[in-house]
Amino acid sequence: MYRALVALGNILYAARQFNTPLPAEDVARARSTLEGIEKLSLPPRSGQSAVDLAAEQRKIANVAKEILGAL
């Protein structure tokens, strides 16, 4: 999930840098998805500790907030 969010952020950044805005519908969909990220509850992977899972969730939430700030 983290890598997908980073890819989304890169797409949005590139669109802005090259002055090729994305369609409003796509931006609205991205915003809606990013706003819902914090509500997600990731299931632990096999052998993953609660501390590692919490760190992963924070990392994902932080990148989502960063991308939202750029929208």
C-alpha atoms as a PDB file:
ATOM      1  CA  MET A   1       0.000   0.000   0.000  1.00  0.00           C
ATOM      2  CA  TYR A   2       2.831   2.389   0.857  1.00  0.00           C
ATOM      3  CA  ARG A   3       4.466   1.948  -2.544  1.00  0.00           C
ATOM      4  CA  ALA A   4       1.156   2.534  -4.317  1.00  0.00           C
ATOM      5  CA  LEU A   5       0.688   5.767  -2.385  1.00  0.00           C
ATOM      6  CA  VAL A   6       4.192   6.919  -3.262  1.00  0.00           C
ATOM      7  CA  ALA A   7       3.449   6.173  -6.926  1.00  0.00           C
ATOM      8  CA  LEU A   8       0.254   8.223  -6.697  1.00  0.00           C
ATOM      9  CA  GLY A   9       2.188  11.083  -5.152  1.00  0.00           C
ATOM     10  CA  ASN A  10       4.748  10.882  -7.955  1.00  0.00           C
ATOM     11  CA  ILE A  11       2.010  11.005 -10.597  1.00  0.00           C
ATOM     12  CA  LEU A  12       0.420  14.046  -8.985  1.00  0.00           C
ATOM     13  CA  TYR A  13       3.795  15.744  -8.609  1.00  0.00           C
ATOM     14  CA  ALA A  14       4.761  15.059 -12.234  1.00  0.00           C
ATOM     15  CA  ALA A  15       1.421  16.356 -13.482  1.00  0.00           C
ATOM     16  CA  ARG A  16       2.004  19.595 -11.607  1.00  0.00           C
ATOM     17  CA  GLN A  17       5.646  19.922 -12.673  1.00  0.00           C
ATOM     18  CA  PHE A  18       4.819  19.431 -16.356  1.00  0.00           C
ATOM     19  CA  ASN A  19       1.720  21.640 -16.130  1.00  0.00           C
ATOM     20  CA  THR A  20      -0.569  18.816 -17.231  1.00  0.00           C
ATOM     21  CA  PRO A  21      -3.344  18.764 -14.661  1.00  0.00           C
ATOM     22  CA  LEU A  22      -5.197  15.555 -14.068  1.00  0.00           C
ATOM     23  CA  PRO A  23      -8.945  15.435 -14.693  1.00  0.00           C
ATOM     24  CA  ALA A  24     -10.936  16.793 -11.750  1.00  0.00           C
ATOM     25  CA  GLU A  25     -12.695  13.440 -11.356  1.00  0.00           C
ATOM     26  CA  ASP A  26      -9.368  11.653 -10.876  1.00  0.00           C
ATOM     27  CA  VAL A  27      -8.174  14.224  -8.347  1.00  0.00           C
ATOM     28  CA  ALA A  28     -11.467  13.951  -6.443  1.00  0.00           C
ATOM     29  CA  ARG A  29     -11.168  10.151  -6.390  1.00  0.00           C
ATOM     30  CA  ALA A  30      -7.575  10.369  -5.153  1.00  0.00           C
ATOM     31  CA  ARG A  31      -8.577  12.854  -2.443  1.00  0.00           C
ATOM     32  CA  SER A  32     -11.435  10.630  -1.285  1.00  0.00           C
ATOM     33  CA  THR A  33      -9.173   7.584  -1.135  1.00  0.00           C
ATOM     34  CA  LEU A  34      -6.427   9.430   0.711  1.00  0.00           C
ATOM     35  CA  GLU A  35      -8.874  10.819   3.262  1.00  0.00           C
ATOM     36  CA  GLY A  36     -10.067   7.287   4.003  1.00  0.00           C
ATOM     37  CA  ILE A  37      -6.596   5.842   4.544  1.00  0.00           C
ATOM     38  CA  GLU A  38      -6.471   6.608   8.272  1.00  0.00           C
ATOM     39  CA  LYS A  39      -9.678   4.640   8.829  1.00  0.00           C
ATOM     40  CA  LEU A  40      -8.181   1.482   7.372  1.00  0.00           C
ATOM     41  CA  SER A  41      -7.155  -1.249   9.718  1.00  0.00           C
ATOM     42  CA  LEU A  42      -4.389  -3.337   8.269  1.00  0.00           C
ATOM     43  CA  PRO A  43      -4.319  -6.995   9.235  1.00  0.00           C
ATOM     44  CA  PRO A  44      -0.972  -8.122  10.645  1.00  0.00           C
ATOM     45  CA  ARG A  45       1.197 -10.164   8.326  1.00  0.00           C
ATOM     46  CA  SER A  46       2.449 -13.501   9.493  1.00  0.00           C
ATOM     47  CA  GLY A  47       4.991 -12.932  12.256  1.00  0.00           C
ATOM     48  CA  GLN A  48       4.479  -9.164  12.322  1.00  0.00           C
ATOM     49  CA  SER A  49       4.489  -7.652  15.793  1.00  0.00           C
ATOM     50  CA  ALA A  50       1.920  -5.116  16.935  1.00  0.00           C
ATOM     51  CA  VAL A  51       4.665  -2.488  17.144  1.00  0.00           C
ATOM     52  CA  ASP A  52       5.716  -3.098  13.542  1.00  0.00           C
ATOM     53  CA  LEU A  53       2.109  -3.011  12.361  1.00  0.00           C
ATOM     54  CA  ALA A  54       1.525   0.307  14.149  1.00  0.00           C
ATOM     55  CA  ALA A  55       4.684   1.744  12.577  1.00  0.00           C
ATOM     56  CA  GLU A  56       3.548   0.609   9.142  1.00  0.00           C
ATOM     57  CA  GLN A  57       0.134   2.209   9.640  1.00  0.00           C
ATOM     58  CA  ARG A  58       1.759   5.495  10.736  1.00  0.00           C
ATOM     59  CA  LYS A  59       4.044   5.449   7.715  1.00  0.00           C
ATOM     60  CA  ILE A  60       1.081   4.959   5.374  1.00  0.00           C
ATOM     61  CA  ALA A  61      -0.986   7.653   7.107  1.00  0.00           C
ATOM     62  CA  ASN A  62       1.920  10.110   6.952  1.00  0.00           C
ATOM     63  CA  VAL A  63       2.489   9.671   3.228  1.00  0.00           C
ATOM     64  CA  ALA A  64      -1.266  10.003   2.607  1.00  0.00           C
ATOM     65  CA  LYS A  65      -1.297  13.286   4.560  1.00  0.00           C
ATOM     66  CA  GLU A  66       1.680  14.555   2.597  1.00  0.00           C
ATOM     67  CA  ILE A  67      -0.018  13.803  -0.715  1.00  0.00           C
ATOM     68  CA  LEU A  68      -3.268  15.400   0.488  1.00  0.00           C
ATOM     69  CA  GLY A  69      -1.324  18.509   1.364  1.00  0.00           C
ATOM     70  CA  ALA A  70       0.002  18.655  -2.189  1.00  0.00           C
ATOM     71  CA  LEU A  71      -3.436  18.359  -3.747  1.00  0.00           C
END
